[in-house]
C-alpha cells in the first residue's frame, strides 16, 4: 500500500505558529504568571489584546514607581553627601566606643 499524497503540496503539514512567535508569547505568559499573579489557565484563555494591555499597564506602573524612587533618592542627598551637621572623625568614634571620652 502506498502513502497518499496530500491534496495540496505544502512545505509544512502543520498550520501553527512559527518559533519566532513562541518565545515572545512565552515571555508574556511568564510575566503574567510571575508579576501579575494570573494563573496559567487564565493566561492561556485570555485574549491577546487583554494580556498585552495588562502587561503594558504593569510596565507603566513600574516605571512610575522607579521615577518616584529616583526623585526621592535625588532629593534626600546633596551632591552625594548626607545631611550631617557635625563632622565625626575616626579617632572620636574609637574614643566614644572604647569609653575614653
N, C-alpha and C. Protein backbone atom coordinates (compact mmCIF):
# COMPACT_ATOMS: atom_id res chain seq x y z
N UNK A 1 0.84 -1.17 0.00
CA UNK A 1 0.00 0.00 0.00
C UNK A 1 0.89 1.24 0.00
N UNK A 2 0.64 2.19 -0.86
CA UNK A 2 1.46 3.39 -0.95
C UNK A 2 0.84 4.51 -0.11
N UNK A 3 1.71 5.45 0.28
CA UNK A 3 1.24 6.59 1.05
C UNK A 3 0.45 7.53 0.15
N UNK A 4 -0.60 8.09 0.70
CA UNK A 4 -1.40 9.03 -0.07
C UNK A 4 -0.69 10.38 -0.11
N UNK A 5 -0.68 10.99 -1.25
CA UNK A 5 -0.12 12.33 -1.36
C UNK A 5 -1.15 13.34 -0.88
N UNK A 6 -0.70 14.39 -0.20
CA UNK A 6 -1.65 15.42 0.22
C UNK A 6 -2.27 16.11 -0.99
N UNK A 7 -3.47 16.59 -0.80
CA UNK A 7 -4.19 17.24 -1.89
C UNK A 7 -3.44 18.48 -2.36
N UNK A 8 -2.99 19.31 -1.40
CA UNK A 8 -2.19 20.49 -1.72
C UNK A 8 -0.74 20.19 -1.37
N UNK A 9 0.16 20.53 -2.24
CA UNK A 9 1.58 20.34 -1.96
C UNK A 9 2.08 21.54 -1.15
N UNK A 10 2.25 21.33 0.15
CA UNK A 10 2.69 22.39 1.04
C UNK A 10 4.05 22.05 1.63
N UNK A 11 4.77 23.08 2.05
CA UNK A 11 6.06 22.86 2.69
C UNK A 11 5.89 22.23 4.07
N UNK A 12 4.88 22.64 4.77
CA UNK A 12 4.66 22.16 6.12
C UNK A 12 3.30 21.47 6.19
N UNK A 13 3.21 20.46 7.00
CA UNK A 13 1.93 19.76 7.13
C UNK A 13 1.16 20.24 8.35
N UNK A 14 1.75 21.20 9.10
CA UNK A 14 1.10 21.70 10.31
C UNK A 14 0.89 23.20 10.18
N UNK A 15 -0.34 23.64 10.39
CA UNK A 15 -0.64 25.06 10.34
C UNK A 15 -0.54 25.61 11.77
N UNK A 16 0.64 26.00 12.16
CA UNK A 16 0.85 26.52 13.50
C UNK A 16 1.72 27.75 13.47
N UNK A 17 1.93 28.28 14.63
CA UNK A 17 2.76 29.46 14.74
C UNK A 17 4.22 29.08 14.64
N UNK A 18 5.01 29.98 14.09
CA UNK A 18 6.43 29.72 13.94
C UNK A 18 7.14 29.88 15.29
N UNK A 19 8.39 29.46 15.33
CA UNK A 19 9.18 29.56 16.55
C UNK A 19 9.41 31.03 16.92
N UNK A 20 9.44 31.91 15.93
CA UNK A 20 9.66 33.33 16.20
C UNK A 20 8.52 33.91 17.05
N UNK A 21 7.36 33.37 16.97
CA UNK A 21 6.23 33.85 17.76
C UNK A 21 6.22 33.24 19.15
N UNK A 22 6.70 32.03 19.27
CA UNK A 22 6.58 31.30 20.53
C UNK A 22 7.35 31.94 21.67
N UNK A 23 8.57 32.38 21.43
CA UNK A 23 9.37 32.93 22.53
C UNK A 23 8.76 34.21 23.12
N UNK A 24 8.35 35.21 22.31
CA UNK A 24 7.69 36.38 22.91
C UNK A 24 6.39 36.01 23.63
N UNK A 25 5.67 35.05 23.07
CA UNK A 25 4.43 34.61 23.72
C UNK A 25 4.73 34.01 25.09
N UNK A 26 5.74 33.16 25.16
CA UNK A 26 6.09 32.54 26.44
C UNK A 26 6.61 33.58 27.43
N UNK A 27 7.29 34.60 26.95
CA UNK A 27 7.73 35.68 27.84
C UNK A 27 6.54 36.43 28.41
N UNK A 28 5.52 36.66 27.59
CA UNK A 28 4.30 37.29 28.07
C UNK A 28 3.60 36.41 29.10
N UNK A 29 3.54 35.12 28.84
CA UNK A 29 2.92 34.18 29.78
C UNK A 29 3.67 34.22 31.10
N UNK A 30 5.00 34.18 31.04
CA UNK A 30 5.81 34.22 32.25
C UNK A 30 5.56 35.51 33.04
N UNK A 31 5.52 36.65 32.36
CA UNK A 31 5.28 37.93 33.03
C UNK A 31 3.92 37.94 33.71
N UNK A 32 2.91 37.42 33.04
CA UNK A 32 1.57 37.39 33.62
C UNK A 32 1.51 36.48 34.86
N UNK A 33 2.16 35.34 34.78
CA UNK A 33 2.13 34.40 35.90
C UNK A 33 2.93 34.94 37.07
N UNK A 34 4.15 35.42 36.82
CA UNK A 34 5.05 35.83 37.91
C UNK A 34 4.66 37.17 38.51
N UNK A 35 4.44 38.17 37.69
CA UNK A 35 4.26 39.53 38.20
C UNK A 35 2.80 39.94 38.38
N UNK A 36 1.92 39.39 37.60
CA UNK A 36 0.51 39.77 37.70
C UNK A 36 -0.32 38.75 38.46
N UNK A 37 0.30 37.63 38.84
CA UNK A 37 -0.36 36.56 39.59
C UNK A 37 -1.61 36.04 38.90
N UNK A 38 -1.52 35.88 37.59
CA UNK A 38 -2.61 35.29 36.81
C UNK A 38 -2.26 33.81 36.62
N UNK A 39 -3.22 32.94 36.78
CA UNK A 39 -2.94 31.52 36.63
C UNK A 39 -2.64 31.18 35.17
N UNK A 40 -1.92 30.09 34.98
CA UNK A 40 -1.55 29.65 33.62
C UNK A 40 -2.79 29.42 32.78
N UNK A 41 -3.78 28.80 33.36
CA UNK A 41 -5.02 28.52 32.63
C UNK A 41 -5.66 29.82 32.15
N UNK A 42 -5.73 30.80 33.05
CA UNK A 42 -6.35 32.07 32.67
C UNK A 42 -5.54 32.80 31.61
N UNK A 43 -4.22 32.73 31.70
CA UNK A 43 -3.38 33.38 30.70
C UNK A 43 -3.62 32.76 29.33
N UNK A 44 -3.78 31.45 29.30
CA UNK A 44 -3.95 30.77 28.03
C UNK A 44 -5.31 31.05 27.38
N UNK A 45 -6.33 31.36 28.17
CA UNK A 45 -7.64 31.60 27.57
C UNK A 45 -7.94 33.09 27.38
N UNK A 46 -7.12 33.95 27.97
CA UNK A 46 -7.36 35.38 27.85
C UNK A 46 -7.00 35.84 26.44
N UNK A 47 -7.77 36.74 25.86
CA UNK A 47 -7.42 37.25 24.52
C UNK A 47 -6.08 37.99 24.53
N UNK A 48 -5.41 37.95 23.41
CA UNK A 48 -4.07 38.55 23.30
C UNK A 48 -4.10 40.03 23.65
N UNK A 49 -5.07 40.78 23.15
CA UNK A 49 -5.10 42.22 23.41
C UNK A 49 -5.26 42.52 24.89
N UNK A 50 -6.01 41.69 25.63
CA UNK A 50 -6.15 41.91 27.07
C UNK A 50 -4.85 41.58 27.80
N UNK A 51 -4.21 40.49 27.42
CA UNK A 51 -2.95 40.11 28.04
C UNK A 51 -1.92 41.21 27.86
N UNK A 52 -1.80 41.72 26.66
CA UNK A 52 -0.83 42.78 26.38
C UNK A 52 -1.20 44.08 27.06
N UNK A 53 -2.49 44.35 27.21
CA UNK A 53 -2.94 45.54 27.94
C UNK A 53 -2.49 45.46 29.40
N UNK A 54 -2.70 44.32 30.04
CA UNK A 54 -2.30 44.16 31.44
C UNK A 54 -0.79 44.30 31.61
N UNK A 55 -0.04 43.74 30.69
CA UNK A 55 1.42 43.84 30.76
C UNK A 55 1.86 45.29 30.56
N UNK A 56 1.23 45.99 29.63
CA UNK A 56 1.58 47.40 29.38
C UNK A 56 1.28 48.26 30.60
N UNK A 57 0.11 48.07 31.21
CA UNK A 57 -0.26 48.84 32.40
C UNK A 57 0.70 48.54 33.54
N UNK A 58 1.06 47.28 33.73
CA UNK A 58 2.00 46.91 34.78
C UNK A 58 3.36 47.55 34.54
N UNK A 59 3.83 47.55 33.29
CA UNK A 59 5.12 48.15 32.96
C UNK A 59 5.10 49.65 33.22
N UNK A 60 4.02 50.32 32.86
CA UNK A 60 3.91 51.76 33.13
C UNK A 60 3.93 52.04 34.62
N UNK A 61 3.26 51.21 35.40
CA UNK A 61 3.22 51.38 36.85
C UNK A 61 4.62 51.22 37.45
N UNK A 62 5.36 50.23 37.00
CA UNK A 62 6.72 50.01 37.49
C UNK A 62 7.62 51.19 37.13
N UNK A 63 7.48 51.71 35.92
CA UNK A 63 8.29 52.87 35.51
C UNK A 63 7.98 54.09 36.36
N UNK A 64 6.71 54.33 36.67
CA UNK A 64 6.35 55.46 37.53
C UNK A 64 6.94 55.30 38.92
N UNK A 65 6.91 54.08 39.47
CA UNK A 65 7.49 53.83 40.78
C UNK A 65 8.99 54.06 40.77
N UNK A 66 9.67 53.65 39.69
CA UNK A 66 11.11 53.89 39.57
C UNK A 66 11.41 55.38 39.55
N UNK A 67 10.61 56.15 38.80
CA UNK A 67 10.81 57.59 38.73
C UNK A 67 10.62 58.23 40.11
N UNK A 68 9.61 57.81 40.85
CA UNK A 68 9.37 58.35 42.19
C UNK A 68 10.53 58.02 43.12
N UNK A 69 11.03 56.79 43.06
CA UNK A 69 12.16 56.40 43.89
C UNK A 69 13.40 57.21 43.53
N UNK A 70 13.61 57.47 42.26
CA UNK A 70 14.75 58.27 41.83
C UNK A 70 14.63 59.71 42.33
N UNK A 71 13.42 60.26 42.27
CA UNK A 71 13.20 61.62 42.79
C UNK A 71 13.46 61.67 44.29
N UNK A 72 13.00 60.68 45.02
CA UNK A 72 13.23 60.64 46.46
C UNK A 72 14.71 60.52 46.75
N UNK A 73 15.40 59.67 46.01
CA UNK A 73 16.83 59.49 46.21
C UNK A 73 17.59 60.78 45.91
N UNK A 74 17.21 61.48 44.85
CA UNK A 74 17.89 62.73 44.49
C UNK A 74 17.59 63.85 45.48
N UNK A 75 16.38 63.89 46.02
CA UNK A 75 16.04 64.96 46.95
C UNK A 75 16.59 64.71 48.36
N UNK A 76 16.89 63.48 48.69
CA UNK A 76 17.38 63.19 50.05
C UNK A 76 18.87 63.43 50.21
N UNK A 77 19.61 63.51 49.13
CA UNK A 77 21.05 63.75 49.22
C UNK A 77 21.42 65.00 48.43
N UNK A 78 22.51 65.62 48.85
CA UNK A 78 23.02 66.79 48.16
C UNK A 78 24.44 66.49 47.72
N UNK A 79 24.67 66.48 46.44
CA UNK A 79 25.98 66.20 45.88
C UNK A 79 26.56 64.88 46.38
N UNK A 80 25.74 63.91 46.63
CA UNK A 80 26.21 62.61 47.07
C UNK A 80 26.57 62.55 48.54
N UNK A 81 26.38 63.65 49.26
CA UNK A 81 26.70 63.68 50.68
C UNK A 81 25.41 63.71 51.48
N UNK A 82 25.48 63.22 52.67
CA UNK A 82 24.31 63.24 53.54
C UNK A 82 24.08 64.61 54.14
N UNK A 83 23.15 64.69 55.06
CA UNK A 83 22.80 65.95 55.69
C UNK A 83 23.38 66.07 57.10
N UNK A 84 24.52 65.47 57.33
CA UNK A 84 25.15 65.51 58.64
C UNK A 84 25.59 66.94 58.95
N UNK A 85 25.35 67.36 60.17
CA UNK A 85 25.71 68.72 60.58
C UNK A 85 27.11 68.74 61.19
N UNK A 86 27.42 67.78 62.04
CA UNK A 86 28.72 67.75 62.69
C UNK A 86 29.62 66.75 61.98
N UNK A 87 30.90 67.02 62.04
CA UNK A 87 31.88 66.14 61.42
C UNK A 87 32.46 65.24 62.50
N UNK A 88 32.46 63.95 62.27
CA UNK A 88 32.95 63.00 63.25
C UNK A 88 34.17 62.31 62.65
N UNK A 89 35.26 62.31 63.39
CA UNK A 89 36.48 61.67 62.91
C UNK A 89 36.55 60.24 63.41
N UNK A 90 37.45 59.47 62.84
CA UNK A 90 37.63 58.09 63.26
C UNK A 90 38.12 57.99 64.69
N UNK A 91 39.00 58.90 65.10
CA UNK A 91 39.52 58.90 66.47
C UNK A 91 38.41 59.15 67.47
N UNK A 92 37.49 60.04 67.12
CA UNK A 92 36.37 60.34 68.03
C UNK A 92 35.49 59.12 68.18
N UNK A 93 35.27 58.37 67.11
CA UNK A 93 34.45 57.17 67.22
C UNK A 93 35.12 56.11 68.07
N UNK A 94 36.43 55.93 67.90
CA UNK A 94 37.16 54.95 68.69
C UNK A 94 37.09 55.32 70.16
N UNK A 95 37.29 56.61 70.45
CA UNK A 95 37.25 57.07 71.83
C UNK A 95 35.87 56.89 72.42
N UNK A 96 34.85 57.15 71.63
CA UNK A 96 33.47 57.06 72.12
C UNK A 96 33.10 55.62 72.46
N UNK A 97 33.46 54.69 71.57
CA UNK A 97 33.07 53.31 71.79
C UNK A 97 33.98 52.58 72.77
N UNK A 98 35.18 53.09 73.00
CA UNK A 98 36.06 52.44 73.97
C UNK A 98 35.88 53.02 75.36
N UNK A 99 35.06 54.07 75.50
CA UNK A 99 34.76 54.64 76.80
C UNK A 99 35.79 55.62 77.26
N UNK A 100 36.63 56.10 76.39
CA UNK A 100 37.68 57.05 76.75
C UNK A 100 37.23 58.48 76.63
N UNK A 101 36.08 58.75 76.23
CA UNK A 101 35.63 60.11 76.01
C UNK A 101 35.07 60.74 77.18
